[in-house]
Amino acid sequence: MEKDQLSLWHEQLIAIIKDVNTPHTLGGITNEANRAHDARLARRALDQLIILSEEINAQREE
Protein backbone atom coordinates (compact mmCIF):
# COMPACT_ATOMS: atom_id res chain seq x y z
CA MET A 1 0.00 0.00 0.00
CA GLU A 2 1.40 3.34 -0.96
CA LYS A 3 2.05 6.10 1.54
CA ASP A 4 0.15 8.56 -0.68
CA GLN A 5 -2.99 6.42 -0.41
CA LEU A 6 -2.68 6.24 3.37
CA SER A 7 -2.28 10.02 3.51
CA LEU A 8 -5.36 10.47 1.33
CA TRP A 9 -7.46 8.21 3.58
CA HIS A 10 -6.14 10.04 6.64
CA GLU A 11 -7.15 13.40 5.15
CA GLN A 12 -10.61 12.03 4.27
CA LEU A 13 -11.09 10.79 7.83
CA ILE A 14 -10.08 14.16 9.27
CA ALA A 15 -12.51 15.93 6.90
CA ILE A 16 -15.35 13.65 8.03
CA ILE A 17 -14.58 14.35 11.69
CA LYS A 18 -14.37 18.11 11.11
CA ASP A 19 -17.68 18.04 9.24
CA VAL A 20 -19.45 16.48 12.23
CA ASN A 21 -17.60 18.58 14.82
CA THR A 22 -19.94 21.61 14.83
CA PRO A 23 -20.42 24.13 17.65
CA HIS A 24 -23.77 22.68 18.68
CA THR A 25 -22.60 19.06 18.53
CA LEU A 26 -19.85 20.10 20.91
CA GLY A 27 -22.12 22.20 23.14
CA GLY A 28 -25.09 19.86 23.22
CA ILE A 29 -28.32 19.73 21.30
CA THR A 30 -30.27 22.86 22.17
CA ASN A 31 -33.23 22.98 19.80
CA GLU A 32 -35.11 21.10 17.09
CA ALA A 33 -33.27 22.83 14.22
CA ASN A 34 -29.89 21.83 15.65
CA ARG A 35 -31.10 18.26 16.21
CA ALA A 36 -32.24 18.00 12.58
CA HIS A 37 -28.97 19.50 11.32
CA ASP A 38 -26.89 17.19 13.49
CA ALA A 39 -28.88 14.18 12.31
CA ARG A 40 -28.12 15.09 8.68
CA LEU A 41 -24.43 15.54 9.49
CA ALA A 42 -24.34 12.19 11.27
CA ARG A 43 -26.01 10.37 8.35
CA ARG A 44 -23.61 11.98 5.87
CA ALA A 45 -20.60 11.13 8.05
CA LEU A 46 -21.74 7.53 8.38
CA ASP A 47 -22.15 7.25 4.60
CA GLN A 48 -18.67 8.69 4.09
CA LEU A 49 -17.15 6.34 6.68
CA ILE A 50 -18.77 3.33 5.01
CA ILE A 51 -17.36 4.37 1.62
CA LEU A 52 -13.91 4.97 3.11
CA SER A 53 -14.01 1.59 4.86
CA GLU A 54 -14.98 -0.14 1.62
CA GLU A 55 -12.07 1.54 -0.20
CA ILE A 56 -9.62 0.45 2.49
CA ASN A 57 -10.95 -3.12 2.53
CA ALA A 58 -10.79 -3.36 -1.27
CA GLN A 59 -7.17 -2.17 -1.18
CA ARG A 60 -6.30 -4.80 1.45
CA GLU A 61 -7.68 -7.57 -0.75
CA GLU A 62 -5.44 -6.59 -3.68
PDB file of N, CA and C in Angstrom:
ATOM      1  N   MET A   1       0.845  -1.175   0.000  1.00  0.00           N
ATOM      2  CA  MET A   1       0.000   0.000   0.000  1.00  0.00           C
ATOM      3  C   MET A   1       0.891   1.239   0.000  1.00  0.00           C
ATOM      4  N   GLU A   2       0.563   2.165  -0.821  1.00  0.00           N
ATOM      5  CA  GLU A   2       1.403   3.344  -0.960  1.00  0.00           C
ATOM      6  C   GLU A   2       1.131   4.364   0.140  1.00  0.00           C
ATOM      7  N   LYS A   3       2.176   5.079   0.511  1.00  0.00           N
ATOM      8  CA  LYS A   3       2.053   6.101   1.545  1.00  0.00           C
ATOM      9  C   LYS A   3       1.088   7.199   1.110  1.00  0.00           C
ATOM     10  N   ASP A   4       1.067   7.536  -0.179  1.00  0.00           N
ATOM     11  CA  ASP A   4       0.151   8.562  -0.675  1.00  0.00           C
ATOM     12  C   ASP A   4      -1.298   8.168  -0.430  1.00  0.00           C
ATOM     13  N   GLN A   5      -1.618   6.886  -0.630  1.00  0.00           N
ATOM     14  CA  GLN A   5      -2.987   6.422  -0.408  1.00  0.00           C
ATOM     15  C   GLN A   5      -3.350   6.509   1.068  1.00  0.00           C
ATOM     16  N   LEU A   6      -2.422   6.128   1.935  1.00  0.00           N
ATOM     17  CA  LEU A   6      -2.676   6.236   3.370  1.00  0.00           C
ATOM     18  C   LEU A   6      -2.904   7.686   3.775  1.00  0.00           C
ATOM     19  N   SER A   7      -2.116   8.588   3.217  1.00  0.00           N
ATOM     20  CA  SER A   7      -2.282  10.015   3.508  1.00  0.00           C
ATOM     21  C   SER A   7      -3.636  10.520   3.033  1.00  0.00           C
ATOM     22  N   LEU A   8      -4.063  10.067   1.867  1.00  0.00           N
ATOM     23  CA  LEU A   8      -5.363  10.469   1.332  1.00  0.00           C
ATOM     24  C   LEU A   8      -6.488   9.990   2.248  1.00  0.00           C
ATOM     25  N   TRP A   9      -6.428   8.731   2.674  1.00  0.00           N
ATOM     26  CA  TRP A   9      -7.457   8.209   3.581  1.00  0.00           C
ATOM     27  C   TRP A   9      -7.451   8.966   4.901  1.00  0.00           C
ATOM     28  N   HIS A  10      -6.267   9.284   5.389  1.00  0.00           N
ATOM     29  CA  HIS A  10      -6.144  10.036   6.639  1.00  0.00           C
ATOM     30  C   HIS A  10      -6.804  11.404   6.498  1.00  0.00           C
ATOM     31  N   GLU A  11      -6.546  12.086   5.395  1.00  0.00           N
ATOM     32  CA  GLU A  11      -7.152  13.396   5.145  1.00  0.00           C
ATOM     33  C   GLU A  11      -8.671  13.289   5.035  1.00  0.00           C
ATOM     34  N   GLN A  12      -9.161  12.226   4.389  1.00  0.00           N
ATOM     35  CA  GLN A  12     -10.608  12.029   4.273  1.00  0.00           C
ATOM     36  C   GLN A  12     -11.235  11.817   5.645  1.00  0.00           C
ATOM     37  N   LEU A  13     -10.577  11.036   6.484  1.00  0.00           N
ATOM     38  CA  LEU A  13     -11.091  10.786   7.827  1.00  0.00           C
ATOM     39  C   LEU A  13     -11.133  12.079   8.644  1.00  0.00           C
ATOM     40  N   ILE A  14     -10.100  12.879   8.558  1.00  0.00           N
ATOM     41  CA  ILE A  14     -10.076  14.162   9.267  1.00  0.00           C
ATOM     42  C   ILE A  14     -11.200  15.068   8.769  1.00  0.00           C
ATOM     43  N   ALA A  15     -11.429  15.100   7.463  1.00  0.00           N
ATOM     44  CA  ALA A  15     -12.506  15.928   6.900  1.00  0.00           C
ATOM     45  C   ALA A  15     -13.871  15.477   7.413  1.00  0.00           C
ATOM     46  N   ILE A  16     -14.077  14.173   7.516  1.00  0.00           N
ATOM     47  CA  ILE A  16     -15.349  13.647   8.030  1.00  0.00           C
ATOM     48  C   ILE A  16     -15.538  14.087   9.482  1.00  0.00           C
ATOM     49  N   ILE A  17     -14.498  13.963  10.278  1.00  0.00           N
ATOM     50  CA  ILE A  17     -14.580  14.351  11.689  1.00  0.00           C
ATOM     51  C   ILE A  17     -14.845  15.842  11.820  1.00  0.00           C
ATOM     52  N   LYS A  18     -14.160  16.666  11.052  1.00  0.00           N
ATOM     53  CA  LYS A  18     -14.373  18.114  11.111  1.00  0.00           C
ATOM     54  C   LYS A  18     -15.787  18.485  10.689  1.00  0.00           C
ATOM     55  N   ASP A  19     -16.331  17.768   9.720  1.00  0.00           N
ATOM     56  CA  ASP A  19     -17.679  18.043   9.239  1.00  0.00           C
ATOM     57  C   ASP A  19     -18.716  17.816  10.334  1.00  0.00           C
ATOM     58  N   VAL A  20     -18.501  16.799  11.166  1.00  0.00           N
ATOM     59  CA  VAL A  20     -19.446  16.478  12.234  1.00  0.00           C
ATOM     60  C   VAL A  20     -19.205  17.344  13.468  1.00  0.00           C
ATOM     61  N   ASN A  21     -18.018  17.857  13.620  1.00  0.00           N
ATOM     62  CA  ASN A  21     -17.604  18.582  14.815  1.00  0.00           C
ATOM     63  C   ASN A  21     -18.064  20.043  14.744  1.00  0.00           C
ATOM     64  N   THR A  22     -19.367  20.263  14.911  1.00  0.00           N
ATOM     65  CA  THR A  22     -19.936  21.610  14.826  1.00  0.00           C
ATOM     66  C   THR A  22     -20.084  22.204  16.217  1.00  0.00           C
ATOM     67  N   PRO A  23     -20.267  23.522  16.321  1.00  0.00           N
ATOM     68  CA  PRO A  23     -20.415  24.135  17.652  1.00  0.00           C
ATOM     69  C   PRO A  23     -21.546  23.530  18.483  1.00  0.00           C
ATOM     70  N   HIS A  24     -22.685  23.209  17.853  1.00  0.00           N
ATOM     71  CA  HIS A  24     -23.768  22.679  18.683  1.00  0.00           C
ATOM     72  C   HIS A  24     -23.636  21.193  18.936  1.00  0.00           C
ATOM     73  N   THR A  25     -22.848  20.456  18.148  1.00  0.00           N
ATOM     74  CA  THR A  25     -22.601  19.063  18.534  1.00  0.00           C
ATOM     75  C   THR A  25     -21.629  19.028  19.707  1.00  0.00           C
ATOM     76  N   LEU A  26     -20.763  20.022  19.770  1.00  0.00           N
ATOM     77  CA  LEU A  26     -19.848  20.099  20.909  1.00  0.00           C
ATOM     78  C   LEU A  26     -20.557  20.597  22.161  1.00  0.00           C
ATOM     79  N   GLY A  27     -21.467  21.564  21.988  1.00  0.00           N
ATOM     80  CA  GLY A  27     -22.116  22.198  23.137  1.00  0.00           C
ATOM     81  C   GLY A  27     -23.412  21.545  23.562  1.00  0.00           C
ATOM     82  N   GLY A  28     -23.833  20.524  22.876  1.00  0.00           N
ATOM     83  CA  GLY A  28     -25.087  19.863  23.220  1.00  0.00           C
ATOM     84  C   GLY A  28     -26.203  20.296  22.284  1.00  0.00           C
ATOM     85  N   ILE A  29     -27.192  19.452  22.183  1.00  0.00           N
ATOM     86  CA  ILE A  29     -28.322  19.735  21.300  1.00  0.00           C
ATOM     87  C   ILE A  29     -29.267  20.667  22.043  1.00  0.00           C
ATOM     88  N   THR A  30     -29.508  21.839  21.459  1.00  0.00           N
ATOM     89  CA  THR A  30     -30.274  22.857  22.174  1.00  0.00           C
ATOM     90  C   THR A  30     -31.667  23.077  21.607  1.00  0.00           C
ATOM     91  N   ASN A  31     -31.893  22.760  20.354  1.00  0.00           N
ATOM     92  CA  ASN A  31     -33.226  22.979  19.798  1.00  0.00           C
ATOM     93  C   ASN A  31     -33.469  22.031  18.626  1.00  0.00           C
ATOM     94  N   GLU A  32     -34.708  22.031  18.142  1.00  0.00           N
ATOM     95  CA  GLU A  32     -35.107  21.102  17.085  1.00  0.00           C
ATOM     96  C   GLU A  32     -34.305  21.307  15.801  1.00  0.00           C
ATOM     97  N   ALA A  33     -34.036  22.559  15.440  1.00  0.00           N
ATOM     98  CA  ALA A  33     -33.270  22.832  14.216  1.00  0.00           C
ATOM     99  C   ALA A  33     -31.866  22.238  14.319  1.00  0.00           C
ATOM    100  N   ASN A  34     -31.232  22.405  15.469  1.00  0.00           N
ATOM    101  CA  ASN A  34     -29.895  21.832  15.654  1.00  0.00           C
ATOM    102  C   ASN A  34     -29.939  20.312  15.621  1.00  0.00           C
ATOM    103  N   ARG A  35     -30.977  19.722  16.225  1.00  0.00           N
ATOM    104  CA  ARG A  35     -31.099  18.259  16.205  1.00  0.00           C
ATOM    105  C   ARG A  35     -31.236  17.748  14.777  1.00  0.00           C
ATOM    106  N   ALA A  36     -32.054  18.418  13.974  1.00  0.00           N
ATOM    107  CA  ALA A  36     -32.240  18.002  12.577  1.00  0.00           C
ATOM    108  C   ALA A  36     -30.940  18.148  11.799  1.00  0.00           C
ATOM    109  N   HIS A  37     -30.243  19.261  12.004  1.00  0.00           N
ATOM    110  CA  HIS A  37     -28.974  19.504  11.320  1.00  0.00           C
ATOM    111  C   HIS A  37     -27.944  18.452  11.718  1.00  0.00           C
ATOM    112  N   ASP A  38     -27.853  18.182  13.013  1.00  0.00           N
ATOM    113  CA  ASP A  38     -26.888  17.192  13.495  1.00  0.00           C
ATOM    114  C   ASP A  38     -27.207  15.799  12.970  1.00  0.00           C
ATOM    115  N   ALA A  39     -28.493  15.484  12.847  1.00  0.00           N
ATOM    116  CA  ALA A  39     -28.880  14.177  12.308  1.00  0.00           C
ATOM    117  C   ALA A  39     -28.432  14.050  10.854  1.00  0.00           C
ATOM    118  N   ARG A  40     -28.582  15.117  10.082  1.00  0.00           N
ATOM    119  CA  ARG A  40     -28.123  15.089   8.683  1.00  0.00           C
ATOM    120  C   ARG A  40     -26.607  14.931   8.614  1.00  0.00           C
ATOM    121  N   LEU A  41     -25.897  15.668   9.464  1.00  0.00           N
ATOM    122  CA  LEU A  41     -24.434  15.544   9.494  1.00  0.00           C
ATOM    123  C   LEU A  41     -24.012  14.126   9.861  1.00  0.00           C
ATOM    124  N   ALA A  42     -24.684  13.546  10.832  1.00  0.00           N
ATOM    125  CA  ALA A  42     -24.337  12.190  11.265  1.00  0.00           C
ATOM    126  C   ALA A  42     -24.592  11.175  10.159  1.00  0.00           C
ATOM    127  N   ARG A  43     -25.719  11.301   9.456  1.00  0.00           N
ATOM    128  CA  ARG A  43     -26.006  10.371   8.354  1.00  0.00           C
ATOM    129  C   ARG A  43     -24.971  10.511   7.246  1.00  0.00           C
ATOM    130  N   ARG A  44     -24.617  11.758   6.917  1.00  0.00           N
ATOM    131  CA  ARG A  44     -23.613  11.983   5.868  1.00  0.00           C
ATOM    132  C   ARG A  44     -22.257  11.423   6.296  1.00  0.00           C
ATOM    133  N   ALA A  45     -21.880  11.643   7.554  1.00  0.00           N
ATOM    134  CA  ALA A  45     -20.600  11.130   8.051  1.00  0.00           C
ATOM    135  C   ALA A  45     -20.579   9.608   8.020  1.00  0.00           C
ATOM    136  N   LEU A  46     -21.682   8.987   8.409  1.00  0.00           N
ATOM    137  CA  LEU A  46     -21.741   7.528   8.382  1.00  0.00           C
ATOM    138  C   LEU A  46     -21.594   7.010   6.955  1.00  0.00           C
ATOM    139  N   ASP A  47     -22.285   7.642   6.014  1.00  0.00           N
ATOM    140  CA  ASP A  47     -22.149   7.246   4.604  1.00  0.00           C
ATOM    141  C   ASP A  47     -20.700   7.363   4.143  1.00  0.00           C
ATOM    142  N   GLN A  48     -20.055   8.473   4.500  1.00  0.00           N
ATOM    143  CA  GLN A  48     -18.669   8.688   4.085  1.00  0.00           C
ATOM    144  C   GLN A  48     -17.732   7.678   4.734  1.00  0.00           C
ATOM    145  N   LEU A  49     -17.983   7.339   5.999  1.00  0.00           N
ATOM    146  CA  LEU A  49     -17.153   6.342   6.678  1.00  0.00           C
ATOM    147  C   LEU A  49     -17.318   4.960   6.059  1.00  0.00           C
ATOM    148  N   ILE A  50     -18.538   4.623   5.662  1.00  0.00           N
ATOM    149  CA  ILE A  50     -18.770   3.332   5.008  1.00  0.00           C
ATOM    150  C   ILE A  50     -18.009   3.263   3.692  1.00  0.00           C
ATOM    151  N   ILE A  51     -18.077   4.329   2.907  1.00  0.00           N
ATOM    152  CA  ILE A  51     -17.362   4.366   1.623  1.00  0.00           C
ATOM    153  C   ILE A  51     -15.857   4.252   1.850  1.00  0.00           C
ATOM    154  N   LEU A  52     -15.343   5.008   2.812  1.00  0.00           N
ATOM    155  CA  LEU A  52     -13.909   4.967   3.113  1.00  0.00           C
ATOM    156  C   LEU A  52     -13.496   3.568   3.561  1.00  0.00           C
ATOM    157  N   SER A  53     -14.297   2.949   4.398  1.00  0.00           N
ATOM    158  CA  SER A  53     -14.012   1.594   4.862  1.00  0.00           C
ATOM    159  C   SER A  53     -13.996   0.602   3.702  1.00  0.00           C
ATOM    160  N   GLU A  54     -14.941   0.744   2.782  1.00  0.00           N
ATOM    161  CA  GLU A  54     -14.977  -0.140   1.618  1.00  0.00           C
ATOM    162  C   GLU A  54     -13.737   0.041   0.746  1.00  0.00           C
ATOM    163  N   GLU A  55     -13.285   1.285   0.585  1.00  0.00           N
ATOM    164  CA  GLU A  55     -12.068   1.542  -0.198  1.00  0.00           C
ATOM    165  C   GLU A  55     -10.854   0.879   0.460  1.00  0.00           C
ATOM    166  N   ILE A  56     -10.754   1.023   1.771  1.00  0.00           N
ATOM    167  CA  ILE A  56      -9.620   0.445   2.494  1.00  0.00           C
ATOM    168  C   ILE A  56      -9.657  -1.079   2.408  1.00  0.00           C
ATOM    169  N   ASN A  57     -10.830  -1.666   2.609  1.00  0.00           N
ATOM    170  CA  ASN A  57     -10.949  -3.124   2.535  1.00  0.00           C
ATOM    171  C   ASN A  57     -10.641  -3.644   1.138  1.00  0.00           C
ATOM    172  N   ALA A  58     -11.084  -2.944   0.111  1.00  0.00           N
ATOM    173  CA  ALA A  58     -10.795  -3.359  -1.266  1.00  0.00           C
ATOM    174  C   ALA A  58      -9.293  -3.320  -1.525  1.00  0.00           C
ATOM    175  N   GLN A  59      -8.627  -2.297  -0.995  1.00  0.00           N
ATOM    176  CA  GLN A  59      -7.175  -2.175  -1.176  1.00  0.00           C
ATOM    177  C   GLN A  59      -6.443  -3.309  -0.463  1.00  0.00           C
ATOM    178  N   ARG A  60      -6.930  -3.702   0.700  1.00  0.00           N
ATOM    179  CA  ARG A  60      -6.305  -4.800   1.452  1.00  0.00           C
ATOM    180  C   ARG A  60      -6.375  -6.113   0.687  1.00  0.00           C
ATOM    181  N   GLU A  61      -7.475  -6.317  -0.030  1.00  0.00           N
ATOM    182  CA  GLU A  61      -7.675  -7.570  -0.749  1.00  0.00           C
ATOM    183  C   GLU A  61      -6.803  -7.682  -1.991  1.00  0.00           C
ATOM    184  N   GLU A  62      -6.291  -6.561  -2.474  1.00  0.00           N
ATOM    185  CA  GLU A  62      -5.440  -6.586  -3.684  1.00  0.00           C
ATOM    186  C   GLU A  62      -4.048  -7.081  -3.376  1.00  0.00           C
TER     187      GLU A  62
END
